[in-house]
Amino acid sequence: MLENLPGLDLKRTQVLSFKGKPLVQVVFADAQGNPFAFCVIRQGPNAPSKAVNLAVLSGLSTATWAKDGYGYMLLGGDRETDLSGELHALTAAFAG
């Protein structure tokens, strides 16, 4: 599924750890070769869903949201990067 997202080329996946929990990181590149990291962490079955929040963290455009017990983060580009295309592709992939 992730290797077929429109406009994004899958580069690598890895399992990391964050506060003792496994965190999956998937790295993509857009058509211009700009990297984007998509991270997923399990928050638990009772974790509240959260709408997409756009922000700039450490100079990177960032989108965070939570759904169905998982937390998601997409980051890449610089503070001026519009993540809407990448965000749409990822949220559509995880909606069904």
C-alpha atoms as a PDB file:
ATOM      1  CA  MET A   1       0.000   0.000   0.000  1.00  0.00           C
ATOM      2  CA  LEU A   2       2.641   2.578   1.016  1.00  0.00           C
ATOM      3  CA  GLU A   3       4.823   1.950  -2.034  1.00  0.00           C
ATOM      4  CA  ASN A   4       1.945   3.017  -4.306  1.00  0.00           C
ATOM      5  CA  LEU A   5       1.099   6.442  -2.869  1.00  0.00           C
ATOM      6  CA  PRO A   6       0.683   9.068  -5.602  1.00  0.00           C
ATOM      7  CA  GLY A   7       3.557  11.536  -5.784  1.00  0.00           C
ATOM      8  CA  LEU A   8       5.648   9.755  -3.137  1.00  0.00           C
ATOM      9  CA  ASP A   9       8.470   7.269  -3.683  1.00  0.00           C
ATOM     10  CA  LEU A  10       9.070   4.853  -0.781  1.00  0.00           C
ATOM     11  CA  LYS A  11      12.716   5.034   0.330  1.00  0.00           C
ATOM     12  CA  ARG A  12      12.983   3.116   3.597  1.00  0.00           C
ATOM     13  CA  THR A  13      11.142   1.903   6.670  1.00  0.00           C
ATOM     14  CA  GLN A  14      12.444   1.256  10.142  1.00  0.00           C
ATOM     15  CA  VAL A  15      11.216   0.549  13.639  1.00  0.00           C
ATOM     16  CA  LEU A  16      12.517   2.937  16.274  1.00  0.00           C
ATOM     17  CA  SER A  17      11.651   3.461  19.932  1.00  0.00           C
ATOM     18  CA  PHE A  18      10.039   6.497  21.560  1.00  0.00           C
ATOM     19  CA  LYS A  19       9.493   6.551  25.317  1.00  0.00           C
ATOM     20  CA  GLY A  20       9.729   2.773  25.418  1.00  0.00           C
ATOM     21  CA  LYS A  21       7.155   2.215  22.656  1.00  0.00           C
ATOM     22  CA  PRO A  22       7.868   1.041  19.119  1.00  0.00           C
ATOM     23  CA  LEU A  23       7.604   3.796  16.523  1.00  0.00           C
ATOM     24  CA  VAL A  24       7.417   2.998  12.825  1.00  0.00           C
ATOM     25  CA  GLN A  25       9.126   5.512  10.530  1.00  0.00           C
ATOM     26  CA  VAL A  26       8.534   5.437   6.784  1.00  0.00           C
ATOM     27  CA  VAL A  27      10.637   7.747   4.621  1.00  0.00           C
ATOM     28  CA  PHE A  28       9.443   8.924   1.216  1.00  0.00           C
ATOM     29  CA  ALA A  29      10.744  11.324  -1.419  1.00  0.00           C
ATOM     30  CA  ASP A  30       8.566  13.506  -3.607  1.00  0.00           C
ATOM     31  CA  ALA A  31       9.111  14.012  -7.347  1.00  0.00           C
ATOM     32  CA  GLN A  32      11.805  16.632  -6.623  1.00  0.00           C
ATOM     33  CA  GLY A  33      13.650  14.278  -4.254  1.00  0.00           C
ATOM     34  CA  ASN A  34      12.610  16.087  -1.057  1.00  0.00           C
ATOM     35  CA  PRO A  35      12.402  13.674   1.901  1.00  0.00           C
ATOM     36  CA  PHE A  36       9.303  13.255   4.056  1.00  0.00           C
ATOM     37  CA  ALA A  37       9.090  11.115   7.195  1.00  0.00           C
ATOM     38  CA  PHE A  38       5.821   9.490   8.220  1.00  0.00           C
ATOM     39  CA  CYS A  39       5.745   8.116  11.774  1.00  0.00           C
ATOM     40  CA  VAL A  40       3.169   5.925  13.518  1.00  0.00           C
ATOM     41  CA  ILE A  41       3.024   5.047  17.220  1.00  0.00           C
ATOM     42  CA  ARG A  42       0.449   3.048  19.144  1.00  0.00           C
ATOM     43  CA  GLN A  43      -1.172   5.185  21.819  1.00  0.00           C
ATOM     44  CA  GLY A  44      -3.617   2.624  23.164  1.00  0.00           C
ATOM     45  CA  PRO A  45      -7.261   1.736  22.567  1.00  0.00           C
ATOM     46  CA  ASN A  46      -8.619   4.524  24.787  1.00  0.00           C
ATOM     47  CA  ALA A  47      -6.503   7.315  23.299  1.00  0.00           C
ATOM     48  CA  PRO A  48      -8.638  10.139  21.930  1.00  0.00           C
ATOM     49  CA  SER A  49      -8.744  10.921  18.239  1.00  0.00           C
ATOM     50  CA  LYS A  50      -7.277  14.280  17.271  1.00  0.00           C
ATOM     51  CA  ALA A  51      -7.791  16.305  14.121  1.00  0.00           C
ATOM     52  CA  VAL A  52      -4.832  17.200  11.940  1.00  0.00           C
ATOM     53  CA  ASN A  53      -2.685  19.906  13.479  1.00  0.00           C
ATOM     54  CA  LEU A  54      -0.222  21.733  11.220  1.00  0.00           C
ATOM     55  CA  ALA A  55       2.860  23.272  12.810  1.00  0.00           C
ATOM     56  CA  VAL A  56       6.546  23.990  12.278  1.00  0.00           C
ATOM     57  CA  LEU A  57       8.870  21.943  14.494  1.00  0.00           C
ATOM     58  CA  SER A  58      12.635  22.457  14.361  1.00  0.00           C
ATOM     59  CA  GLY A  59      12.199  24.286  11.053  1.00  0.00           C
ATOM     60  CA  LEU A  60      10.226  21.448   9.401  1.00  0.00           C
ATOM     61  CA  SER A  61       6.614  21.544   8.285  1.00  0.00           C
ATOM     62  CA  THR A  62       4.757  19.034  10.450  1.00  0.00           C
ATOM     63  CA  ALA A  63       1.297  17.499  10.587  1.00  0.00           C
ATOM     64  CA  THR A  64       0.133  15.434  13.568  1.00  0.00           C
ATOM     65  CA  TRP A  65      -3.130  13.608  14.195  1.00  0.00           C
ATOM     66  CA  ALA A  66      -4.499  10.598  16.076  1.00  0.00           C
ATOM     67  CA  LYS A  67      -7.115   8.021  15.170  1.00  0.00           C
ATOM     68  CA  ASP A  68      -8.177   4.576  16.384  1.00  0.00           C
ATOM     69  CA  GLY A  69      -5.521   4.368  19.095  1.00  0.00           C
ATOM     70  CA  TYR A  70      -2.587   5.432  16.912  1.00  0.00           C
ATOM     71  CA  GLY A  71      -0.691   8.698  16.677  1.00  0.00           C
ATOM     72  CA  TYR A  72       0.598   9.898  13.306  1.00  0.00           C
ATOM     73  CA  MET A  73       3.167  12.489  12.289  1.00  0.00           C
ATOM     74  CA  LEU A  74       4.257  13.664   8.848  1.00  0.00           C
ATOM     75  CA  LEU A  75       7.209  15.995   8.547  1.00  0.00           C
ATOM     76  CA  GLY A  76       9.435  17.293   5.819  1.00  0.00           C
ATOM     77  CA  GLY A  77      10.510  20.236   3.763  1.00  0.00           C
ATOM     78  CA  ASP A  78      11.010  23.583   5.423  1.00  0.00           C
ATOM     79  CA  ARG A  79       8.674  25.902   7.277  1.00  0.00           C
ATOM     80  CA  GLU A  80       7.109  27.022   3.971  1.00  0.00           C
ATOM     81  CA  THR A  81       6.383  23.511   2.644  1.00  0.00           C
ATOM     82  CA  ASP A  82       2.726  22.728   2.013  1.00  0.00           C
ATOM     83  CA  LEU A  83       2.114  19.170   3.238  1.00  0.00           C
ATOM     84  CA  SER A  84      -1.464  18.973   1.929  1.00  0.00           C
ATOM     85  CA  GLY A  85      -0.729  16.629  -1.012  1.00  0.00           C
ATOM     86  CA  GLU A  86       1.328  14.191   1.056  1.00  0.00           C
ATOM     87  CA  LEU A  87      -1.115  14.457   3.935  1.00  0.00           C
ATOM     88  CA  HIS A  88      -4.071  13.667   1.681  1.00  0.00           C
ATOM     89  CA  ALA A  89      -2.316  10.584   0.230  1.00  0.00           C
ATOM     90  CA  LEU A  90      -1.446   9.237   3.697  1.00  0.00           C
ATOM     91  CA  THR A  91      -4.777   9.910   5.403  1.00  0.00           C
ATOM     92  CA  ALA A  92      -6.613   8.351   2.429  1.00  0.00           C
ATOM     93  CA  ALA A  93      -4.397   5.275   2.640  1.00  0.00           C
ATOM     94  CA  PHE A  94      -5.170   4.819   6.341  1.00  0.00           C
ATOM     95  CA  ALA A  95      -8.900   5.667   6.174  1.00  0.00           C
ATOM     96  CA  GLY A  96      -9.948   2.243   4.987  1.00  0.00           C
END
